[in-house]
Amino acid sequence: EVLPLLLLSISSCHSHVVWVKFCVDSISLLFVLTERATSGSLQVEDWGLNMEICDIINETDEGPKDAVKAIKKRIVGNKNFREIMLALTVSSAPSQ
């Protein structure tokens, strides 16, 4: 299934990022967004990004299953405590 968006950073100014929309399948989009939302370089949770992930989860029948795969990929074998905590935050976002 193809969704009408993929968020790619094309430029940044201060802390604001300009985004461009492209078409990709939902699993690829979830993996990209989950990786960004769980980046160890984040100082705090990016709730805008977490909510975008929630929206994608709710748009497709496979969304919840795909999200679990993406989050699991970020947790299993990861030794970066910050990334694991951010992944747990992403996993709890749909219930918030």
PDB file of N, CA and C in Angstrom:
ATOM      1  N   GLU A   1       0.846  -1.180   0.000  1.00  0.00           N
ATOM      2  CA  GLU A   1       0.000   0.000   0.000  1.00  0.00           C
ATOM      3  C   GLU A   1       0.885   1.235   0.000  1.00  0.00           C
ATOM      4  N   VAL A   2       0.495   2.229  -0.758  1.00  0.00           N
ATOM      5  CA  VAL A   2       1.287   3.453  -0.865  1.00  0.00           C
ATOM      6  C   VAL A   2       0.580   4.580  -0.132  1.00  0.00           C
ATOM      7  N   LEU A   3       1.315   5.274   0.699  1.00  0.00           N
ATOM      8  CA  LEU A   3       0.798   6.459   1.388  1.00  0.00           C
ATOM      9  C   LEU A   3       1.330   7.690   0.680  1.00  0.00           C
ATOM     10  N   PRO A   4       0.607   8.788   0.732  1.00  0.00           N
ATOM     11  CA  PRO A   4       1.025   9.974  -0.016  1.00  0.00           C
ATOM     12  C   PRO A   4       2.073  10.833   0.681  1.00  0.00           C
ATOM     13  N   LEU A   5       2.965  10.217   1.483  1.00  0.00           N
ATOM     14  CA  LEU A   5       3.990  11.070   2.050  1.00  0.00           C
ATOM     15  C   LEU A   5       5.181  10.303   2.583  1.00  0.00           C
ATOM     16  N   LEU A   6       6.324  10.895   2.442  1.00  0.00           N
ATOM     17  CA  LEU A   6       7.566  10.500   3.108  1.00  0.00           C
ATOM     18  C   LEU A   6       8.232  11.798   3.483  1.00  0.00           C
ATOM     19  N   LEU A   7       8.584  11.908   4.730  1.00  0.00           N
ATOM     20  CA  LEU A   7       9.168  13.151   5.184  1.00  0.00           C
ATOM     21  C   LEU A   7      10.682  13.065   5.096  1.00  0.00           C
ATOM     22  N   LEU A   8      11.256  13.902   4.278  1.00  0.00           N
ATOM     23  CA  LEU A   8      12.700  13.963   4.125  1.00  0.00           C
ATOM     24  C   LEU A   8      13.162  15.372   4.434  1.00  0.00           C
ATOM     25  N   SER A   9      14.178  15.467   5.222  1.00  0.00           N
ATOM     26  CA  SER A   9      14.725  16.778   5.537  1.00  0.00           C
ATOM     27  C   SER A   9      15.498  17.292   4.324  1.00  0.00           C
ATOM     28  N   ILE A  10      15.150  18.486   3.852  1.00  0.00           N
ATOM     29  CA  ILE A  10      15.907  19.053   2.738  1.00  0.00           C
ATOM     30  C   ILE A  10      16.722  20.269   3.159  1.00  0.00           C
ATOM     31  N   SER A  11      16.332  20.893   4.228  1.00  0.00           N
ATOM     32  CA  SER A  11      17.147  21.984   4.756  1.00  0.00           C
ATOM     33  C   SER A  11      16.707  22.273   6.177  1.00  0.00           C
ATOM     34  N   SER A  12      17.577  22.877   6.931  1.00  0.00           N
ATOM     35  CA  SER A  12      17.184  23.240   8.291  1.00  0.00           C
ATOM     36  C   SER A  12      17.630  24.663   8.591  1.00  0.00           C
ATOM     37  N   CYS A  13      16.851  25.323   9.405  1.00  0.00           N
ATOM     38  CA  CYS A  13      17.144  26.684   9.806  1.00  0.00           C
ATOM     39  C   CYS A  13      16.864  26.763  11.299  1.00  0.00           C
ATOM     40  N   HIS A  14      17.878  26.964  12.090  1.00  0.00           N
ATOM     41  CA  HIS A  14      17.787  26.923  13.538  1.00  0.00           C
ATOM     42  C   HIS A  14      17.284  25.533  13.929  1.00  0.00           C
ATOM     43  N   SER A  15      16.160  25.427  14.622  1.00  0.00           N
ATOM     44  CA  SER A  15      15.673  24.097  14.984  1.00  0.00           C
ATOM     45  C   SER A  15      14.513  23.661  14.094  1.00  0.00           C
ATOM     46  N   HIS A  16      14.151  24.484  13.118  1.00  0.00           N
ATOM     47  CA  HIS A  16      13.040  24.141  12.237  1.00  0.00           C
ATOM     48  C   HIS A  16      13.554  23.391  11.010  1.00  0.00           C
ATOM     49  N   VAL A  17      12.836  22.388  10.615  1.00  0.00           N
ATOM     50  CA  VAL A  17      13.231  21.591   9.462  1.00  0.00           C
ATOM     51  C   VAL A  17      12.158  21.719   8.397  1.00  0.00           C
ATOM     52  N   VAL A  18      12.577  21.901   7.161  1.00  0.00           N
ATOM     53  CA  VAL A  18      11.655  21.956   6.035  1.00  0.00           C
ATOM     54  C   VAL A  18      11.465  20.538   5.538  1.00  0.00           C
ATOM     55  N   TRP A  19      10.219  20.132   5.328  1.00  0.00           N
ATOM     56  CA  TRP A  19       9.908  18.755   4.932  1.00  0.00           C
ATOM     57  C   TRP A  19       9.298  18.726   3.534  1.00  0.00           C
ATOM     58  N   VAL A  20       9.592  17.675   2.813  1.00  0.00           N
ATOM     59  CA  VAL A  20       9.037  17.454   1.480  1.00  0.00           C
ATOM     60  C   VAL A  20       8.278  16.145   1.504  1.00  0.00           C
ATOM     61  N   LYS A  21       7.142  16.081   0.822  1.00  0.00           N
ATOM     62  CA  LYS A  21       6.329  14.873   0.806  1.00  0.00           C
ATOM     63  C   LYS A  21       6.553  14.074  -0.472  1.00  0.00           C
ATOM     64  N   PHE A  22       6.747  12.776  -0.315  1.00  0.00           N
ATOM     65  CA  PHE A  22       6.888  11.846  -1.417  1.00  0.00           C
ATOM     66  C   PHE A  22       6.024  10.633  -1.141  1.00  0.00           C
ATOM     67  N   CYS A  23       5.959   9.696  -2.077  1.00  0.00           N
ATOM     68  CA  CYS A  23       5.186   8.473  -1.893  1.00  0.00           C
ATOM     69  C   CYS A  23       6.104   7.306  -1.553  1.00  0.00           C
ATOM     70  N   VAL A  24       5.755   6.579  -0.517  1.00  0.00           N
ATOM     71  CA  VAL A  24       6.431   5.335  -0.160  1.00  0.00           C
ATOM     72  C   VAL A  24       5.428   4.431   0.521  1.00  0.00           C
ATOM     73  N   ASP A  25       5.815   3.175   0.727  1.00  0.00           N
ATOM     74  CA  ASP A  25       4.911   2.296   1.446  1.00  0.00           C
ATOM     75  C   ASP A  25       4.978   2.618   2.933  1.00  0.00           C
ATOM     76  N   SER A  26       3.931   2.233   3.675  1.00  0.00           N
ATOM     77  CA  SER A  26       3.806   2.629   5.075  1.00  0.00           C
ATOM     78  C   SER A  26       4.897   2.044   5.954  1.00  0.00           C
ATOM     79  N   ILE A  27       5.350   0.832   5.678  1.00  0.00           N
ATOM     80  CA  ILE A  27       6.387   0.228   6.523  1.00  0.00           C
ATOM     81  C   ILE A  27       7.687   1.009   6.415  1.00  0.00           C
ATOM     82  N   SER A  28       8.065   1.408   5.202  1.00  0.00           N
ATOM     83  CA  SER A  28       9.291   2.197   5.033  1.00  0.00           C
ATOM     84  C   SER A  28       9.167   3.526   5.755  1.00  0.00           C
ATOM     85  N   LEU A  29       8.027   4.152   5.640  1.00  0.00           N
ATOM     86  CA  LEU A  29       7.800   5.432   6.296  1.00  0.00           C
ATOM     87  C   LEU A  29       7.877   5.277   7.809  1.00  0.00           C
ATOM     88  N   LEU A  30       7.266   4.227   8.341  1.00  0.00           N
ATOM     89  CA  LEU A  30       7.325   4.005   9.783  1.00  0.00           C
ATOM     90  C   LEU A  30       8.752   3.767  10.257  1.00  0.00           C
ATOM     91  N   PHE A  31       9.532   3.025   9.488  1.00  0.00           N
ATOM     92  CA  PHE A  31      10.926   2.794   9.870  1.00  0.00           C
ATOM     93  C   PHE A  31      11.714   4.101   9.867  1.00  0.00           C
ATOM     94  N   VAL A  32      11.520   4.925   8.853  1.00  0.00           N
ATOM     95  CA  VAL A  32      12.227   6.209   8.771  1.00  0.00           C
ATOM     96  C   VAL A  32      11.833   7.115   9.926  1.00  0.00           C
ATOM     97  N   LEU A  33      10.542   7.260  10.170  1.00  0.00           N
ATOM     98  CA  LEU A  33      10.083   8.151  11.233  1.00  0.00           C
ATOM     99  C   LEU A  33      10.462   7.626  12.610  1.00  0.00           C
ATOM    100  N   THR A  34      10.384   6.308  12.796  1.00  0.00           N
ATOM    101  CA  THR A  34      10.766   5.725  14.085  1.00  0.00           C
ATOM    102  C   THR A  34      12.246   5.929  14.347  1.00  0.00           C
ATOM    103  N   GLU A  35      13.057   5.799  13.321  1.00  0.00           N
ATOM    104  CA  GLU A  35      14.491   6.032  13.494  1.00  0.00           C
ATOM    105  C   GLU A  35      14.754   7.479  13.893  1.00  0.00           C
ATOM    106  N   ARG A  36      14.054   8.415  13.267  1.00  0.00           N
ATOM    107  CA  ARG A  36      14.218   9.837  13.613  1.00  0.00           C
ATOM    108  C   ARG A  36      13.725  10.118  15.030  1.00  0.00           C
ATOM    109  N   ALA A  37      12.577   9.523  15.394  1.00  0.00           N
ATOM    110  CA  ALA A  37      11.978   9.775  16.707  1.00  0.00           C
ATOM    111  C   ALA A  37      12.764   9.138  17.843  1.00  0.00           C
ATOM    112  N   THR A  38      13.629   8.181  17.524  1.00  0.00           N
ATOM    113  CA  THR A  38      14.413   7.493  18.548  1.00  0.00           C
ATOM    114  C   THR A  38      15.902   7.793  18.436  1.00  0.00           C
ATOM    115  N   SER A  39      16.243   8.831  17.719  1.00  0.00           N
ATOM    116  CA  SER A  39      17.646   9.204  17.555  1.00  0.00           C
ATOM    117  C   SER A  39      18.239   9.620  18.903  1.00  0.00           C
ATOM    118  N   GLY A  40      19.373   9.053  19.213  1.00  0.00           N
ATOM    119  CA  GLY A  40      20.052   9.389  20.458  1.00  0.00           C
ATOM    120  C   GLY A  40      20.477  10.841  20.538  1.00  0.00           C
ATOM    121  N   SER A  41      20.478  11.539  19.421  1.00  0.00           N
ATOM    122  CA  SER A  41      20.866  12.951  19.420  1.00  0.00           C
ATOM    123  C   SER A  41      19.744  13.879  19.874  1.00  0.00           C
ATOM    124  N   LEU A  42      18.525  13.346  19.984  1.00  0.00           N
ATOM    125  CA  LEU A  42      17.409  14.178  20.464  1.00  0.00           C
ATOM    126  C   LEU A  42      17.593  14.485  21.946  1.00  0.00           C
ATOM    127  N   GLN A  43      17.395  15.735  22.306  1.00  0.00           N
ATOM    128  CA  GLN A  43      17.495  16.137  23.710  1.00  0.00           C
ATOM    129  C   GLN A  43      16.217  15.806  24.473  1.00  0.00           C
ATOM    130  N   VAL A  44      15.079  15.932  23.790  1.00  0.00           N
ATOM    131  CA  VAL A  44      13.776  15.610  24.364  1.00  0.00           C
ATOM    132  C   VAL A  44      12.959  14.872  23.316  1.00  0.00           C
ATOM    133  N   GLU A  45      11.866  14.262  23.762  1.00  0.00           N
ATOM    134  CA  GLU A  45      10.996  13.569  22.824  1.00  0.00           C
ATOM    135  C   GLU A  45      10.437  14.549  21.800  1.00  0.00           C
ATOM    136  N   ASP A  46      10.297  14.095  20.578  1.00  0.00           N
ATOM    137  CA  ASP A  46       9.702  14.900  19.514  1.00  0.00           C
ATOM    138  C   ASP A  46       8.243  14.452  19.378  1.00  0.00           C
ATOM    139  N   TRP A  47       7.351  15.100  20.118  1.00  0.00           N
ATOM    140  CA  TRP A  47       5.950  14.659  20.138  1.00  0.00           C
ATOM    141  C   TRP A  47       5.247  14.901  18.817  1.00  0.00           C
ATOM    142  N   GLY A  48       5.676  15.877  18.056  1.00  0.00           N
ATOM    143  CA  GLY A  48       5.111  16.069  16.717  1.00  0.00           C
ATOM    144  C   GLY A  48       5.393  14.860  15.840  1.00  0.00           C
ATOM    145  N   LEU A  49       6.604  14.378  15.897  1.00  0.00           N
ATOM    146  CA  LEU A  49       7.000  13.197  15.140  1.00  0.00           C
ATOM    147  C   LEU A  49       6.295  11.952  15.671  1.00  0.00           C
ATOM    148  N   ASN A  50       6.193  11.840  16.990  1.00  0.00           N
ATOM    149  CA  ASN A  50       5.474  10.707  17.588  1.00  0.00           C
ATOM    150  C   ASN A  50       4.014  10.682  17.140  1.00  0.00           C
ATOM    151  N   MET A  51       3.385  11.843  17.058  1.00  0.00           N
ATOM    152  CA  MET A  51       1.982  11.902  16.623  1.00  0.00           C
ATOM    153  C   MET A  51       1.852  11.572  15.139  1.00  0.00           C
ATOM    154  N   GLU A  52       2.855  11.950  14.345  1.00  0.00           N
ATOM    155  CA  GLU A  52       2.864  11.583  12.922  1.00  0.00           C
ATOM    156  C   GLU A  52       2.918  10.063  12.779  1.00  0.00           C
ATOM    157  N   ILE A  53       3.733   9.421  13.614  1.00  0.00           N
ATOM    158  CA  ILE A  53       3.805   7.955  13.617  1.00  0.00           C
ATOM    159  C   ILE A  53       2.446   7.374  13.984  1.00  0.00           C
ATOM    160  N   CYS A  54       1.797   7.943  14.988  1.00  0.00           N
ATOM    161  CA  CYS A  54       0.451   7.475  15.388  1.00  0.00           C
ATOM    162  C   CYS A  54      -0.541   7.605  14.240  1.00  0.00           C
ATOM    163  N   ASP A  55      -0.499   8.713  13.519  1.00  0.00           N
ATOM    164  CA  ASP A  55      -1.399   8.910  12.380  1.00  0.00           C
ATOM    165  C   ASP A  55      -1.189   7.833  11.325  1.00  0.00           C
ATOM    166  N   ILE A  56       0.066   7.512  11.034  1.00  0.00           N
ATOM    167  CA  ILE A  56       0.364   6.492  10.029  1.00  0.00           C
ATOM    168  C   ILE A  56      -0.109   5.122  10.512  1.00  0.00           C
ATOM    169  N   ILE A  57       0.082   4.838  11.794  1.00  0.00           N
ATOM    170  CA  ILE A  57      -0.384   3.575  12.358  1.00  0.00           C
ATOM    171  C   ILE A  57      -1.889   3.427  12.146  1.00  0.00           C
ATOM    172  N   ASN A  58      -2.616   4.512  12.336  1.00  0.00           N
ATOM    173  CA  ASN A  58      -4.078   4.466  12.235  1.00  0.00           C
ATOM    174  C   ASN A  58      -4.599   4.491  10.798  1.00  0.00           C
ATOM    175  N   GLU A  59      -3.742   4.811   9.829  1.00  0.00           N
ATOM    176  CA  GLU A  59      -4.188   4.923   8.442  1.00  0.00           C
ATOM    177  C   GLU A  59      -4.273   3.592   7.706  1.00  0.00           C
ATOM    178  N   THR A  60      -3.566   2.578   8.174  1.00  0.00           N
ATOM    179  CA  THR A  60      -3.554   1.310   7.453  1.00  0.00           C
ATOM    180  C   THR A  60      -3.878   0.153   8.386  1.00  0.00           C
ATOM    181  N   ASP A  61      -4.374  -0.938   7.823  1.00  0.00           N
ATOM    182  CA  ASP A  61      -4.656  -2.132   8.613  1.00  0.00           C
ATOM    183  C   ASP A  61      -3.375  -2.742   9.173  1.00  0.00           C
ATOM    184  N   GLU A  62      -2.290  -2.619   8.426  1.00  0.00           N
ATOM    185  CA  GLU A  62      -1.010  -3.191   8.841  1.00  0.00           C
ATOM    186  C   GLU A  62      -0.207  -2.240   9.725  1.00  0.00           C
ATOM    187  N   GLY A  63      -0.719  -1.032   9.932  1.00  0.00           N
ATOM    188  CA  GLY A  63       0.014  -0.014  10.685  1.00  0.00           C
ATOM    189  C   GLY A  63       0.516  -0.462  12.046  1.00  0.00           C
ATOM    190  N   PRO A  64      -0.350  -1.043  12.890  1.00  0.00           N
ATOM    191  CA  PRO A  64       0.133  -1.469  14.211  1.00  0.00           C
ATOM    192  C   PRO A  64       1.238  -2.526  14.131  1.00  0.00           C
ATOM    193  N   LYS A  65       1.072  -3.489  13.250  1.00  0.00           N
ATOM    194  CA  LYS A  65       2.074  -4.551  13.104  1.00  0.00           C
ATOM    195  C   LYS A  65       3.391  -3.972  12.584  1.00  0.00           C
ATOM    196  N   ASP A  66       3.303  -3.080  11.612  1.00  0.00           N
ATOM    197  CA  ASP A  66       4.502  -2.454  11.060  1.00  0.00           C
ATOM    198  C   ASP A  66       5.206  -1.595  12.100  1.00  0.00           C
ATOM    199  N   ALA A  67       4.439  -0.903  12.933  1.00  0.00           N
ATOM    200  CA  ALA A  67       5.029  -0.058  13.973  1.00  0.00           C
ATOM    201  C   ALA A  67       5.778  -0.903  14.998  1.00  0.00           C
ATOM    202  N   VAL A  68       5.210  -2.045  15.357  1.00  0.00           N
ATOM    203  CA  VAL A  68       5.892  -2.938  16.302  1.00  0.00           C
ATOM    204  C   VAL A  68       7.226  -3.397  15.720  1.00  0.00           C
ATOM    205  N   LYS A  69       7.244  -3.725  14.430  1.00  0.00           N
ATOM    206  CA  LYS A  69       8.493  -4.133  13.770  1.00  0.00           C
ATOM    207  C   LYS A  69       9.531  -3.010  13.836  1.00  0.00           C
ATOM    208  N   ALA A  70       9.097  -1.792  13.535  1.00  0.00           N
ATOM    209  CA  ALA A  70      10.022  -0.655  13.516  1.00  0.00           C
ATOM    210  C   ALA A  70      10.569  -0.366  14.913  1.00  0.00           C
ATOM    211  N   ILE A  71       9.698  -0.413  15.913  1.00  0.00           N
ATOM    212  CA  ILE A  71      10.124  -0.138  17.290  1.00  0.00           C
ATOM    213  C   ILE A  71      11.021  -1.264  17.802  1.00  0.00           C
ATOM    214  N   LYS A  72      10.644  -2.495  17.500  1.00  0.00           N
ATOM    215  CA  LYS A  72      11.451  -3.647  17.921  1.00  0.00           C
ATOM    216  C   LYS A  72      12.860  -3.554  17.337  1.00  0.00           C
ATOM    217  N   LYS A  73      12.945  -3.132  16.078  1.00  0.00           N
ATOM    218  CA  LYS A  73      14.252  -2.991  15.421  1.00  0.00           C
ATOM    219  C   LYS A  73      15.135  -2.000  16.182  1.00  0.00           C
ATOM    220  N   ARG A  74      14.533  -0.945  16.730  1.00  0.00           N
ATOM    221  CA  ARG A  74      15.303   0.070  17.453  1.00  0.00           C
ATOM    222  C   ARG A  74      15.701  -0.384  18.856  1.00  0.00           C
ATOM    223  N   ILE A  75      14.975  -1.353  19.438  1.00  0.00           N
ATOM    224  CA  ILE A  75      15.244  -1.774  20.812  1.00  0.00           C
ATOM    225  C   ILE A  75      16.163  -2.990  20.880  1.00  0.00           C
ATOM    226  N   VAL A  76      15.874  -4.018  20.092  1.00  0.00           N
ATOM    227  CA  VAL A  76      16.606  -5.282  20.183  1.00  0.00           C
ATOM    228  C   VAL A  76      18.086  -5.088  19.839  1.00  0.00           C
ATOM    229  N   GLY A  77      18.931  -5.455  20.766  1.00  0.00           N
ATOM    230  CA  GLY A  77      20.372  -5.368  20.565  1.00  0.00           C
ATOM    231  C   GLY A  77      20.956  -3.973  20.722  1.00  0.00           C
ATOM    232  N   ASN A  78      20.120  -2.993  20.984  1.00  0.00           N
ATOM    233  CA  ASN A  78      20.597  -1.619  21.122  1.00  0.00           C
ATOM    234  C   ASN A  78      21.154  -1.411  22.523  1.00  0.00           C
ATOM    235  N   LYS A  79      22.332  -0.855  22.618  1.00  0.00           N
ATOM    236  CA  LYS A  79      22.954  -0.602  23.915  1.00  0.00           C
ATOM    237  C   LYS A  79      22.887   0.877  24.302  1.00  0.00           C
ATOM    238  N   ASN A  80      22.236   1.675  23.456  1.00  0.00           N
ATOM    239  CA  ASN A  80      22.102   3.104  23.732  1.00  0.00           C
ATOM    240  C   ASN A  80      20.822   3.320  24.545  1.00  0.00           C
ATOM    241  N   PHE A  81      21.012   3.603  25.846  1.00  0.00           N
ATOM    242  CA  PHE A  81      19.878   3.760  26.763  1.00  0.00           C
ATOM    243  C   PHE A  81      18.910   4.844  26.277  1.00  0.00           C
ATOM    244  N   ARG A  82      19.429   5.943  25.791  1.00  0.00           N
ATOM    245  CA  ARG A  82      18.578   7.066  25.335  1.00  0.00           C
ATOM    246  C   ARG A  82      17.677   6.619  24.181  1.00  0.00           C
ATOM    247  N   GLU A  83      18.232   5.909  23.204  1.00  0.00           N
ATOM    248  CA  GLU A  83      17.440   5.438  22.071  1.00  0.00           C
ATOM    249  C   GLU A  83      16.373   4.437  22.509  1.00  0.00           C
ATOM    250  N   ILE A  84      16.717   3.584  23.453  1.00  0.00           N
ATOM    251  CA  ILE A  84      15.736   2.618  23.964  1.00  0.00           C
ATOM    252  C   ILE A  84      14.593   3.344  24.664  1.00  0.00           C
ATOM    253  N   MET A  85      14.916   4.326  25.492  1.00  0.00           N
ATOM    254  CA  MET A  85      13.870   5.085  26.190  1.00  0.00           C
ATOM    255  C   MET A  85      12.974   5.842  25.202  1.00  0.00           C
ATOM    256  N   LEU A  86      13.571   6.419  24.168  1.00  0.00           N
ATOM    257  CA  LEU A  86      12.777   7.118  23.158  1.00  0.00           C
ATOM    258  C   LEU A  86      11.890   6.137  22.395  1.00  0.00           C
ATOM    259  N   ALA A  87      12.401   4.932  22.131  1.00  0.00           N
ATOM    260  CA  ALA A  87      11.592   3.911  21.447  1.00  0.00           C
ATOM    261  C   ALA A  87      10.408   3.488  22.318  1.00  0.00           C
ATOM    262  N   LEU A  88      10.622   3.378  23.612  1.00  0.00           N
ATOM    263  CA  LEU A  88       9.523   3.051  24.526  1.00  0.00           C
ATOM    264  C   LEU A  88       8.494   4.177  24.557  1.00  0.00           C
ATOM    265  N   THR A  89       8.961   5.417  24.456  1.00  0.00           N
ATOM    266  CA  THR A  89       8.034   6.555  24.400  1.00  0.00           C
ATOM    267  C   THR A  89       7.202   6.488  23.126  1.00  0.00           C
ATOM    268  N   VAL A  90       7.846   6.189  21.994  1.00  0.00           N
ATOM    269  CA  VAL A  90       7.119   6.049  20.725  1.00  0.00           C
ATOM    270  C   VAL A  90       6.091   4.927  20.840  1.00  0.00           C
ATOM    271  N   SER A  91       6.475   3.823  21.480  1.00  0.00           N
ATOM    272  CA  SER A  91       5.555   2.683  21.592  1.00  0.00           C
ATOM    273  C   SER A  91       4.346   2.998  22.456  1.00  0.00           C
ATOM    274  N   SER A  92       4.496   3.915  23.400  1.00  0.00           N
ATOM    275  CA  SER A  92       3.360   4.269  24.265  1.00  0.00           C
ATOM    276  C   SER A  92       2.528   5.431  23.715  1.00  0.00           C
ATOM    277  N   ALA A  93       3.045   6.133  22.702  1.00  0.00           N
ATOM    278  CA  ALA A  93       2.355   7.315  22.159  1.00  0.00           C
ATOM    279  C   ALA A  93       0.934   7.025  21.669  1.00  0.00           C
ATOM    280  N   PRO A  94       0.679   5.900  20.981  1.00  0.00           N
ATOM    281  CA  PRO A  94      -0.699   5.676  20.514  1.00  0.00           C
ATOM    282  C   PRO A  94      -1.736   5.565  21.625  1.00  0.00           C
ATOM    283  N   SER A  95      -1.299   5.245  22.842  1.00  0.00           N
ATOM    284  CA  SER A  95      -2.246   5.119  23.937  1.00  0.00           C
ATOM    285  C   SER A  95      -2.392   6.420  24.723  1.00  0.00           C
ATOM    286  N   GLN A  96      -1.610   7.440  24.369  1.00  0.00           N
ATOM    287  CA  GLN A  96      -1.653   8.726  25.090  1.00  0.00           C
ATOM    288  C   GLN A  96      -2.873   9.528  24.694  1.00  0.00           C
TER     289      GLN A  96
END
